[in-house]
């Protein structure tokens, strides 16, 4: 599989925005810019696996990908908080 430079920049941008949004929604769990990108990309993977199984479809395009990734990153941050024992939702 080949990913162009532009495609890689889009993935990193979506991951950054989704991780930042998830850090704002789930307060107190920001991981810095690199950590937010990683959480955003991991959230996108979680969302791309979980949403089709649940029959959820938001749409296509960059905005819907950011929304998918942000929701997946929020789910991921909540799971990390529960596993780490960080407290309340």
PDB file of N, CA and C in Angstrom:
ATOM      1  N   UNK A   1       0.845  -1.177   0.000  1.00  0.00           N
ATOM      2  CA  UNK A   1       0.000   0.000   0.000  1.00  0.00           C
ATOM      3  C   UNK A   1       0.887   1.236   0.000  1.00  0.00           C
ATOM      4  N   UNK A   2       0.595   2.157  -0.874  1.00  0.00           N
ATOM      5  CA  UNK A   2       1.366   3.382  -1.007  1.00  0.00           C
ATOM      6  C   UNK A   2       0.520   4.558  -0.555  1.00  0.00           C
ATOM      7  N   UNK A   3       1.070   5.364   0.341  1.00  0.00           N
ATOM      8  CA  UNK A   3       0.407   6.583   0.801  1.00  0.00           C
ATOM      9  C   UNK A   3       1.246   7.761   0.326  1.00  0.00           C
ATOM     10  N   UNK A   4       0.609   8.664  -0.404  1.00  0.00           N
ATOM     11  CA  UNK A   4       1.329   9.829  -0.900  1.00  0.00           C
ATOM     12  C   UNK A   4       1.645  10.781   0.249  1.00  0.00           C
ATOM     13  N   UNK A   5       2.505  11.732  -0.015  1.00  0.00           N
ATOM     14  CA  UNK A   5       2.849  12.728   1.007  1.00  0.00           C
ATOM     15  C   UNK A   5       1.628  13.539   1.421  1.00  0.00           C
ATOM     16  N   UNK A   6       0.782  13.866   0.454  1.00  0.00           N
ATOM     17  CA  UNK A   6      -0.429  14.617   0.770  1.00  0.00           C
ATOM     18  C   UNK A   6      -1.379  13.789   1.631  1.00  0.00           C
ATOM     19  N   UNK A   7      -1.498  12.508   1.304  1.00  0.00           N
ATOM     20  CA  UNK A   7      -2.353  11.624   2.096  1.00  0.00           C
ATOM     21  C   UNK A   7      -1.853  11.486   3.522  1.00  0.00           C
ATOM     22  N   UNK A   8      -0.541  11.410   3.676  1.00  0.00           N
ATOM     23  CA  UNK A   8       0.042  11.325   5.012  1.00  0.00           C
ATOM     24  C   UNK A   8      -0.211  12.604   5.799  1.00  0.00           C
ATOM     25  N   UNK A   9      -0.108  13.752   5.139  1.00  0.00           N
ATOM     26  CA  UNK A   9      -0.400  15.024   5.813  1.00  0.00           C
ATOM     27  C   UNK A   9      -1.863  15.108   6.240  1.00  0.00           C
ATOM     28  N   UNK A  10      -2.768  14.609   5.408  1.00  0.00           N
ATOM     29  CA  UNK A  10      -4.186  14.618   5.763  1.00  0.00           C
ATOM     30  C   UNK A  10      -4.435  13.718   6.962  1.00  0.00           C
ATOM     31  N   UNK A  11      -3.827  12.533   6.982  1.00  0.00           N
ATOM     32  CA  UNK A  11      -3.983  11.615   8.118  1.00  0.00           C
ATOM     33  C   UNK A  11      -3.461  12.263   9.396  1.00  0.00           C
ATOM     34  N   UNK A  12      -2.293  12.893   9.321  1.00  0.00           N
ATOM     35  CA  UNK A  12      -1.735  13.550  10.502  1.00  0.00           C
ATOM     36  C   UNK A  12      -2.598  14.726  10.947  1.00  0.00           C
ATOM     37  N   UNK A  13      -3.135  15.482   9.988  1.00  0.00           N
ATOM     38  CA  UNK A  13      -3.997  16.612  10.335  1.00  0.00           C
ATOM     39  C   UNK A  13      -5.284  16.138  11.002  1.00  0.00           C
ATOM     40  N   UNK A  14      -5.908  15.123  10.439  1.00  0.00           N
ATOM     41  CA  UNK A  14      -7.138  14.580  11.024  1.00  0.00           C
ATOM     42  C   UNK A  14      -6.845  14.017  12.413  1.00  0.00           C
ATOM     43  N   UNK A  15      -5.734  13.314  12.560  1.00  0.00           N
ATOM     44  CA  UNK A  15      -5.353  12.782  13.865  1.00  0.00           C
ATOM     45  C   UNK A  15      -5.097  13.874  14.887  1.00  0.00           C
ATOM     46  N   UNK A  16      -4.446  14.944  14.463  1.00  0.00           N
ATOM     47  CA  UNK A  16      -4.171  16.051  15.369  1.00  0.00           C
ATOM     48  C   UNK A  16      -5.466  16.724  15.828  1.00  0.00           C
ATOM     49  N   UNK A  17      -6.338  17.026  14.886  1.00  0.00           N
ATOM     50  CA  UNK A  17      -7.601  17.686  15.237  1.00  0.00           C
ATOM     51  C   UNK A  17      -8.466  16.778  16.102  1.00  0.00           C
ATOM     52  N   UNK A  18      -8.552  15.502  15.745  1.00  0.00           N
ATOM     53  CA  UNK A  18      -9.370  14.567  16.517  1.00  0.00           C
ATOM     54  C   UNK A  18      -8.801  14.366  17.915  1.00  0.00           C
ATOM     55  N   UNK A  19      -7.495  14.244  18.040  1.00  0.00           N
ATOM     56  CA  UNK A  19      -6.878  14.099  19.358  1.00  0.00           C
ATOM     57  C   UNK A  19      -7.055  15.343  20.207  1.00  0.00           C
ATOM     58  N   UNK A  20      -6.946  16.510  19.588  1.00  0.00           N
ATOM     59  CA  UNK A  20      -7.147  17.762  20.321  1.00  0.00           C
ATOM     60  C   UNK A  20      -8.587  17.865  20.805  1.00  0.00           C
ATOM     61  N   UNK A  21      -9.544  17.564  19.918  1.00  0.00           N
ATOM     62  CA  UNK A  21     -10.954  17.602  20.305  1.00  0.00           C
ATOM     63  C   UNK A  21     -11.250  16.614  21.432  1.00  0.00           C
ATOM     64  N   UNK A  22     -10.685  15.421  21.329  1.00  0.00           N
ATOM     65  CA  UNK A  22     -10.909  14.420  22.373  1.00  0.00           C
ATOM     66  C   UNK A  22     -10.297  14.869  23.692  1.00  0.00           C
ATOM     67  N   UNK A  23      -9.131  15.516  23.649  1.00  0.00           N
ATOM     68  CA  UNK A  23      -8.512  16.037  24.860  1.00  0.00           C
ATOM     69  C   UNK A  23      -9.348  17.126  25.509  1.00  0.00           C
ATOM     70  N   UNK A  24     -10.062  17.915  24.689  1.00  0.00           N
ATOM     71  CA  UNK A  24     -10.941  18.954  25.229  1.00  0.00           C
ATOM     72  C   UNK A  24     -12.212  18.356  25.823  1.00  0.00           C
ATOM     73  N   UNK A  25     -12.739  17.314  25.188  1.00  0.00           N
ATOM     74  CA  UNK A  25     -13.962  16.678  25.679  1.00  0.00           C
ATOM     75  C   UNK A  25     -13.688  15.913  26.965  1.00  0.00           C
ATOM     76  N   UNK A  26     -12.623  15.116  26.963  1.00  0.00           N
ATOM     77  CA  UNK A  26     -12.238  14.337  28.142  1.00  0.00           C
ATOM     78  C   UNK A  26     -11.136  15.139  28.832  1.00  0.00           C
ATOM     79  N   UNK A  27     -11.530  15.977  29.750  1.00  0.00           N
ATOM     80  CA  UNK A  27     -10.587  16.910  30.364  1.00  0.00           C
ATOM     81  C   UNK A  27      -9.525  16.198  31.196  1.00  0.00           C
ATOM     82  N   UNK A  28      -8.343  16.802  31.189  1.00  0.00           N
ATOM     83  CA  UNK A  28      -7.262  16.298  32.031  1.00  0.00           C
ATOM     84  C   UNK A  28      -6.493  15.133  31.453  1.00  0.00           C
ATOM     85  N   UNK A  29      -6.725  14.787  30.182  1.00  0.00           N
ATOM     86  CA  UNK A  29      -6.022  13.644  29.617  1.00  0.00           C
ATOM     87  C   UNK A  29      -5.254  14.000  28.356  1.00  0.00           C
ATOM     88  N   UNK A  30      -4.814  15.246  28.222  1.00  0.00           N
ATOM     89  CA  UNK A  30      -4.013  15.634  27.077  1.00  0.00           C
ATOM     90  C   UNK A  30      -2.646  14.973  27.135  1.00  0.00           C
ATOM     91  N   UNK A  31      -2.149  14.539  25.989  1.00  0.00           N
ATOM     92  CA  UNK A  31      -0.864  13.844  25.923  1.00  0.00           C
ATOM     93  C   UNK A  31       0.178  14.638  25.154  1.00  0.00           C
ATOM     94  N   UNK A  32      -0.048  15.919  24.908  1.00  0.00           N
ATOM     95  CA  UNK A  32       0.870  16.706  24.093  1.00  0.00           C
ATOM     96  C   UNK A  32       0.532  16.526  22.622  1.00  0.00           C
ATOM     97  N   UNK A  33       1.227  17.251  21.762  1.00  0.00           N
ATOM     98  CA  UNK A  33       0.867  17.249  20.341  1.00  0.00           C
ATOM     99  C   UNK A  33       1.093  15.888  19.687  1.00  0.00           C
ATOM    100  N   UNK A  34       2.218  15.236  19.987  1.00  0.00           N
ATOM    101  CA  UNK A  34       2.494  13.925  19.396  1.00  0.00           C
ATOM    102  C   UNK A  34       1.525  12.892  19.949  1.00  0.00           C
ATOM    103  N   UNK A  35       1.292  12.936  21.252  1.00  0.00           N
ATOM    104  CA  UNK A  35       0.350  12.008  21.875  1.00  0.00           C
ATOM    105  C   UNK A  35      -1.056  12.208  21.358  1.00  0.00           C
ATOM    106  N   UNK A  36      -1.445  13.474  21.134  1.00  0.00           N
ATOM    107  CA  UNK A  36      -2.772  13.751  20.599  1.00  0.00           C
ATOM    108  C   UNK A  36      -2.926  13.206  19.183  1.00  0.00           C
ATOM    109  N   UNK A  37      -1.872  13.325  18.371  1.00  0.00           N
ATOM    110  CA  UNK A  37      -1.920  12.758  17.019  1.00  0.00           C
ATOM    111  C   UNK A  37      -2.079  11.247  17.092  1.00  0.00           C
ATOM    112  N   UNK A  38      -1.303  10.610  17.970  1.00  0.00           N
ATOM    113  CA  UNK A  38      -1.382   9.146  18.109  1.00  0.00           C
ATOM    114  C   UNK A  38      -2.771   8.730  18.586  1.00  0.00           C
ATOM    115  N   UNK A  39      -3.308   9.444  19.590  1.00  0.00           N
ATOM    116  CA  UNK A  39      -4.642   9.123  20.102  1.00  0.00           C
ATOM    117  C   UNK A  39      -5.689   9.366  19.018  1.00  0.00           C
ATOM    118  N   UNK A  40      -5.543  10.423  18.241  1.00  0.00           N
ATOM    119  CA  UNK A  40      -6.481  10.696  17.151  1.00  0.00           C
ATOM    120  C   UNK A  40      -6.461   9.619  16.084  1.00  0.00           C
ATOM    121  N   UNK A  41      -5.269   9.175  15.700  1.00  0.00           N
ATOM    122  CA  UNK A  41      -5.160   8.114  14.694  1.00  0.00           C
ATOM    123  C   UNK A  41      -5.694   6.802  15.250  1.00  0.00           C
ATOM    124  N   UNK A  42      -5.352   6.488  16.500  1.00  0.00           N
ATOM    125  CA  UNK A  42      -5.891   5.279  17.130  1.00  0.00           C
ATOM    126  C   UNK A  42      -7.406   5.375  17.268  1.00  0.00           C
ATOM    127  N   UNK A  43      -7.899   6.568  17.572  1.00  0.00           N
ATOM    128  CA  UNK A  43      -9.337   6.777  17.646  1.00  0.00           C
ATOM    129  C   UNK A  43     -10.014   6.564  16.307  1.00  0.00           C
ATOM    130  N   UNK A  44      -9.349   6.971  15.243  1.00  0.00           N
ATOM    131  CA  UNK A  44      -9.895   6.733  13.907  1.00  0.00           C
ATOM    132  C   UNK A  44      -9.989   5.244  13.622  1.00  0.00           C
ATOM    133  N   UNK A  45      -8.984   4.501  14.049  1.00  0.00           N
ATOM    134  CA  UNK A  45      -9.020   3.047  13.873  1.00  0.00           C
ATOM    135  C   UNK A  45     -10.141   2.422  14.700  1.00  0.00           C
ATOM    136  N   UNK A  46     -10.294   2.877  15.937  1.00  0.00           N
ATOM    137  CA  UNK A  46     -11.372   2.377  16.791  1.00  0.00           C
ATOM    138  C   UNK A  46     -12.720   2.683  16.161  1.00  0.00           C
ATOM    139  N   UNK A  47     -12.898   3.907  15.697  1.00  0.00           N
ATOM    140  CA  UNK A  47     -14.177   4.310  15.096  1.00  0.00           C
ATOM    141  C   UNK A  47     -14.450   3.555  13.804  1.00  0.00           C
ATOM    142  N   UNK A  48     -13.415   3.347  12.981  1.00  0.00           N
ATOM    143  CA  UNK A  48     -13.638   2.644  11.719  1.00  0.00           C
ATOM    144  C   UNK A  48     -13.979   1.182  11.949  1.00  0.00           C
ATOM    145  N   UNK A  49     -13.585   0.622  13.074  1.00  0.00           N
ATOM    146  CA  UNK A  49     -13.951  -0.752  13.403  1.00  0.00           C
ATOM    147  C   UNK A  49     -15.317  -0.814  14.078  1.00  0.00           C
ATOM    148  N   UNK A  50     -15.561   0.105  15.016  1.00  0.00           N
ATOM    149  CA  UNK A  50     -16.745   0.040  15.867  1.00  0.00           C
ATOM    150  C   UNK A  50     -18.012   0.546  15.180  1.00  0.00           C
ATOM    151  N   UNK A  51     -17.939   1.662  14.468  1.00  0.00           N
ATOM    152  CA  UNK A  51     -19.145   2.273  13.899  1.00  0.00           C
ATOM    153  C   UNK A  51     -19.849   1.390  12.871  1.00  0.00           C
ATOM    154  N   UNK A  52     -19.132   0.771  11.921  1.00  0.00           N
ATOM    155  CA  UNK A  52     -19.844  -0.110  10.977  1.00  0.00           C
ATOM    156  C   UNK A  52     -20.516  -1.295  11.669  1.00  0.00           C
ATOM    157  N   UNK A  53     -19.913  -1.799  12.728  1.00  0.00           N
ATOM    158  CA  UNK A  53     -20.523  -2.907  13.481  1.00  0.00           C
ATOM    159  C   UNK A  53     -21.833  -2.470  14.131  1.00  0.00           C
ATOM    160  N   UNK A  54     -21.904  -1.194  14.519  1.00  0.00           N
ATOM    161  CA  UNK A  54     -23.111  -0.662  15.151  1.00  0.00           C
ATOM    162  C   UNK A  54     -24.100  -0.085  14.145  1.00  0.00           C
ATOM    163  N   UNK A  55     -23.718  -0.050  12.867  1.00  0.00           N
ATOM    164  CA  UNK A  55     -24.590   0.484  11.829  1.00  0.00           C
ATOM    165  C   UNK A  55     -24.662   2.001  11.812  1.00  0.00           C
ATOM    166  N   UNK A  56     -23.625   2.677  12.298  1.00  0.00           N
ATOM    167  CA  UNK A  56     -23.595   4.139  12.350  1.00  0.00           C
ATOM    168  C   UNK A  56     -22.834   4.655  11.128  1.00  0.00           C
ATOM    169  N   UNK A  57     -23.456   5.579  10.404  1.00  0.00           N
ATOM    170  CA  UNK A  57     -22.813   6.185   9.241  1.00  0.00           C
ATOM    171  C   UNK A  57     -23.093   7.683   9.257  1.00  0.00           C
ATOM    172  N   UNK A  58     -22.038   8.491   9.357  1.00  0.00           N
ATOM    173  CA  UNK A  58     -22.191   9.941   9.428  1.00  0.00           C
ATOM    174  C   UNK A  58     -22.175  10.558   8.034  1.00  0.00           C
ATOM    175  N   UNK A  59     -21.306  10.074   7.186  1.00  0.00           N
ATOM    176  CA  UNK A  59     -21.194  10.633   5.840  1.00  0.00           C
ATOM    177  C   UNK A  59     -19.778  10.455   5.328  1.00  0.00           C
ATOM    178  N   UNK A  60     -19.440  11.230   4.312  1.00  0.00           N
ATOM    179  CA  UNK A  60     -18.106  11.168   3.734  1.00  0.00           C
ATOM    180  C   UNK A  60     -17.472  12.549   3.777  1.00  0.00           C
ATOM    181  N   UNK A  61     -16.190  12.596   3.559  1.00  0.00           N
ATOM    182  CA  UNK A  61     -15.484  13.863   3.526  1.00  0.00           C
ATOM    183  C   UNK A  61     -14.605  14.069   4.742  1.00  0.00           C
ATOM    184  N   UNK A  62     -13.878  15.158   4.711  1.00  0.00           N
ATOM    185  CA  UNK A  62     -12.901  15.451   5.754  1.00  0.00           C
ATOM    186  C   UNK A  62     -13.563  15.721   7.100  1.00  0.00           C
ATOM    187  N   UNK A  63     -14.652  16.470   7.107  1.00  0.00           N
ATOM    188  CA  UNK A  63     -15.323  16.810   8.365  1.00  0.00           C
ATOM    189  C   UNK A  63     -15.867  15.551   9.037  1.00  0.00           C
ATOM    190  N   UNK A  64     -16.477  14.664   8.269  1.00  0.00           N
ATOM    191  CA  UNK A  64     -16.999  13.434   8.875  1.00  0.00           C
ATOM    192  C   UNK A  64     -15.868  12.552   9.389  1.00  0.00           C
ATOM    193  N   UNK A  65     -14.727  12.537   8.715  1.00  0.00           N
ATOM    194  CA  UNK A  65     -13.576  11.770   9.207  1.00  0.00           C
ATOM    195  C   UNK A  65     -13.057  12.342  10.521  1.00  0.00           C
ATOM    196  N   UNK A  66     -13.042  13.664  10.639  1.00  0.00           N
ATOM    197  CA  UNK A  66     -12.623  14.288  11.896  1.00  0.00           C
ATOM    198  C   UNK A  66     -13.608  13.936  13.000  1.00  0.00           C
ATOM    199  N   UNK A  67     -14.902  13.952  12.697  1.00  0.00           N
ATOM    200  CA  UNK A  67     -15.915  13.606  13.701  1.00  0.00           C
ATOM    201  C   UNK A  67     -15.777  12.148  14.108  1.00  0.00           C
ATOM    202  N   UNK A  68     -15.650  11.242  13.130  1.00  0.00           N
ATOM    203  CA  UNK A  68     -15.423   9.822  13.434  1.00  0.00           C
ATOM    204  C   UNK A  68     -14.201   9.648  14.328  1.00  0.00           C
ATOM    205  N   UNK A  69     -13.101  10.259  13.935  1.00  0.00           N
ATOM    206  CA  UNK A  69     -11.851  10.108  14.672  1.00  0.00           C
ATOM    207  C   UNK A  69     -11.949  10.689  16.072  1.00  0.00           C
ATOM    208  N   UNK A  70     -12.618  11.829  16.199  1.00  0.00           N
ATOM    209  CA  UNK A  70     -12.759  12.450  17.520  1.00  0.00           C
ATOM    210  C   UNK A  70     -13.605  11.576  18.450  1.00  0.00           C
ATOM    211  N   UNK A  71     -14.698  11.028  17.934  1.00  0.00           N
ATOM    212  CA  UNK A  71     -15.528  10.148  18.765  1.00  0.00           C
ATOM    213  C   UNK A  71     -14.745   8.895  19.152  1.00  0.00           C
ATOM    214  N   UNK A  72     -14.020   8.330  18.214  1.00  0.00           N
ATOM    215  CA  UNK A  72     -13.190   7.166  18.537  1.00  0.00           C
ATOM    216  C   UNK A  72     -12.098   7.503  19.539  1.00  0.00           C
ATOM    217  N   UNK A  73     -11.499   8.683  19.420  1.00  0.00           N
ATOM    218  CA  UNK A  73     -10.459   9.098  20.368  1.00  0.00           C
ATOM    219  C   UNK A  73     -11.042   9.345  21.755  1.00  0.00           C
ATOM    220  N   UNK A  74     -12.262   9.883  21.836  1.00  0.00           N
ATOM    221  CA  UNK A  74     -12.914  10.071  23.132  1.00  0.00           C
ATOM    222  C   UNK A  74     -13.159   8.715  23.781  1.00  0.00           C
ATOM    223  N   UNK A  75     -13.665   7.758  23.006  1.00  0.00           N
ATOM    224  CA  UNK A  75     -13.877   6.409  23.532  1.00  0.00           C
ATOM    225  C   UNK A  75     -12.558   5.830  24.025  1.00  0.00           C
ATOM    226  N   UNK A  76     -11.506   6.003  23.233  1.00  0.00           N
ATOM    227  CA  UNK A  76     -10.193   5.485  23.608  1.00  0.00           C
ATOM    228  C   UNK A  76      -9.666   6.147  24.877  1.00  0.00           C
ATOM    229  N   UNK A  77      -9.824   7.458  25.004  1.00  0.00           N
ATOM    230  CA  UNK A  77      -9.364   8.157  26.207  1.00  0.00           C
ATOM    231  C   UNK A  77     -10.152   7.729  27.444  1.00  0.00           C
ATOM    232  N   UNK A  78     -11.451   7.500  27.288  1.00  0.00           N
ATOM    233  CA  UNK A  78     -12.243   7.025  28.424  1.00  0.00           C
ATOM    234  C   UNK A  78     -11.803   5.630  28.870  1.00  0.00           C
ATOM    235  N   UNK A  79     -11.497   4.771  27.905  1.00  0.00           N
ATOM    236  CA  UNK A  79     -11.009   3.433  28.248  1.00  0.00           C
ATOM    237  C   UNK A  79      -9.653   3.528  28.928  1.00  0.00           C
ATOM    238  N   UNK A  80      -8.764   4.383  28.419  1.00  0.00           N
ATOM    239  CA  UNK A  80      -7.445   4.561  29.047  1.00  0.00           C
ATOM    240  C   UNK A  80      -7.601   5.092  30.463  1.00  0.00           C
ATOM    241  N   UNK A  81      -8.518   6.031  30.656  1.00  0.00           N
ATOM    242  CA  UNK A  81      -8.746   6.584  31.987  1.00  0.00           C
ATOM    243  C   UNK A  81      -9.272   5.516  32.942  1.00  0.00           C
ATOM    244  N   UNK A  82     -10.170   4.652  32.460  1.00  0.00           N
ATOM    245  CA  UNK A  82     -10.685   3.573  33.299  1.00  0.00           C
ATOM    246  C   UNK A  82      -9.606   2.555  33.655  1.00  0.00           C
ATOM    247  N   UNK A  83      -8.780   2.190  32.684  1.00  0.00           N
ATOM    248  CA  UNK A  83      -7.728   1.205  32.922  1.00  0.00           C
ATOM    249  C   UNK A  83      -6.659   1.774  33.841  1.00  0.00           C
ATOM    250  N   UNK A  84      -6.302   3.018  33.619  1.00  0.00           N
ATOM    251  CA  UNK A  84      -5.267   3.643  34.443  1.00  0.00           C
ATOM    252  C   UNK A  84      -5.773   3.962  35.854  1.00  0.00           C
ATOM    253  N   UNK A  85      -7.079   3.963  36.015  1.00  0.00           N
ATOM    254  CA  UNK A  85      -7.641   4.278  37.336  1.00  0.00           C
ATOM    255  C   UNK A  85      -7.658   5.763  37.611  1.00  0.00           C
ATOM    256  N   UNK A  86      -7.833   6.542  36.545  1.00  0.00           N
ATOM    257  CA  UNK A  86      -7.761   7.994  36.665  1.00  0.00           C
ATOM    258  C   UNK A  86      -8.990   8.649  37.258  1.00  0.00           C
ATOM    259  N   UNK A  87     -10.006   7.907  37.564  1.00  0.00           N
ATOM    260  CA  UNK A  87     -11.142   8.515  38.240  1.00  0.00           C
ATOM    261  C   UNK A  87     -12.403   8.515  37.425  1.00  0.00           C
ATOM    262  N   UNK A  88     -13.134   9.619  37.529  1.00  0.00           N
ATOM    263  CA  UNK A  88     -14.474   9.716  36.984  1.00  0.00           C
ATOM    264  C   UNK A  88     -14.460   9.996  35.481  1.00  0.00           C
ATOM    265  N   UNK A  89     -15.651   9.855  34.912  1.00  0.00           N
ATOM    266  CA  UNK A  89     -15.862  10.240  33.518  1.00  0.00           C
ATOM    267  C   UNK A  89     -15.989  11.701  33.522  1.00  0.00           C
TER     268      UNK A  89
END
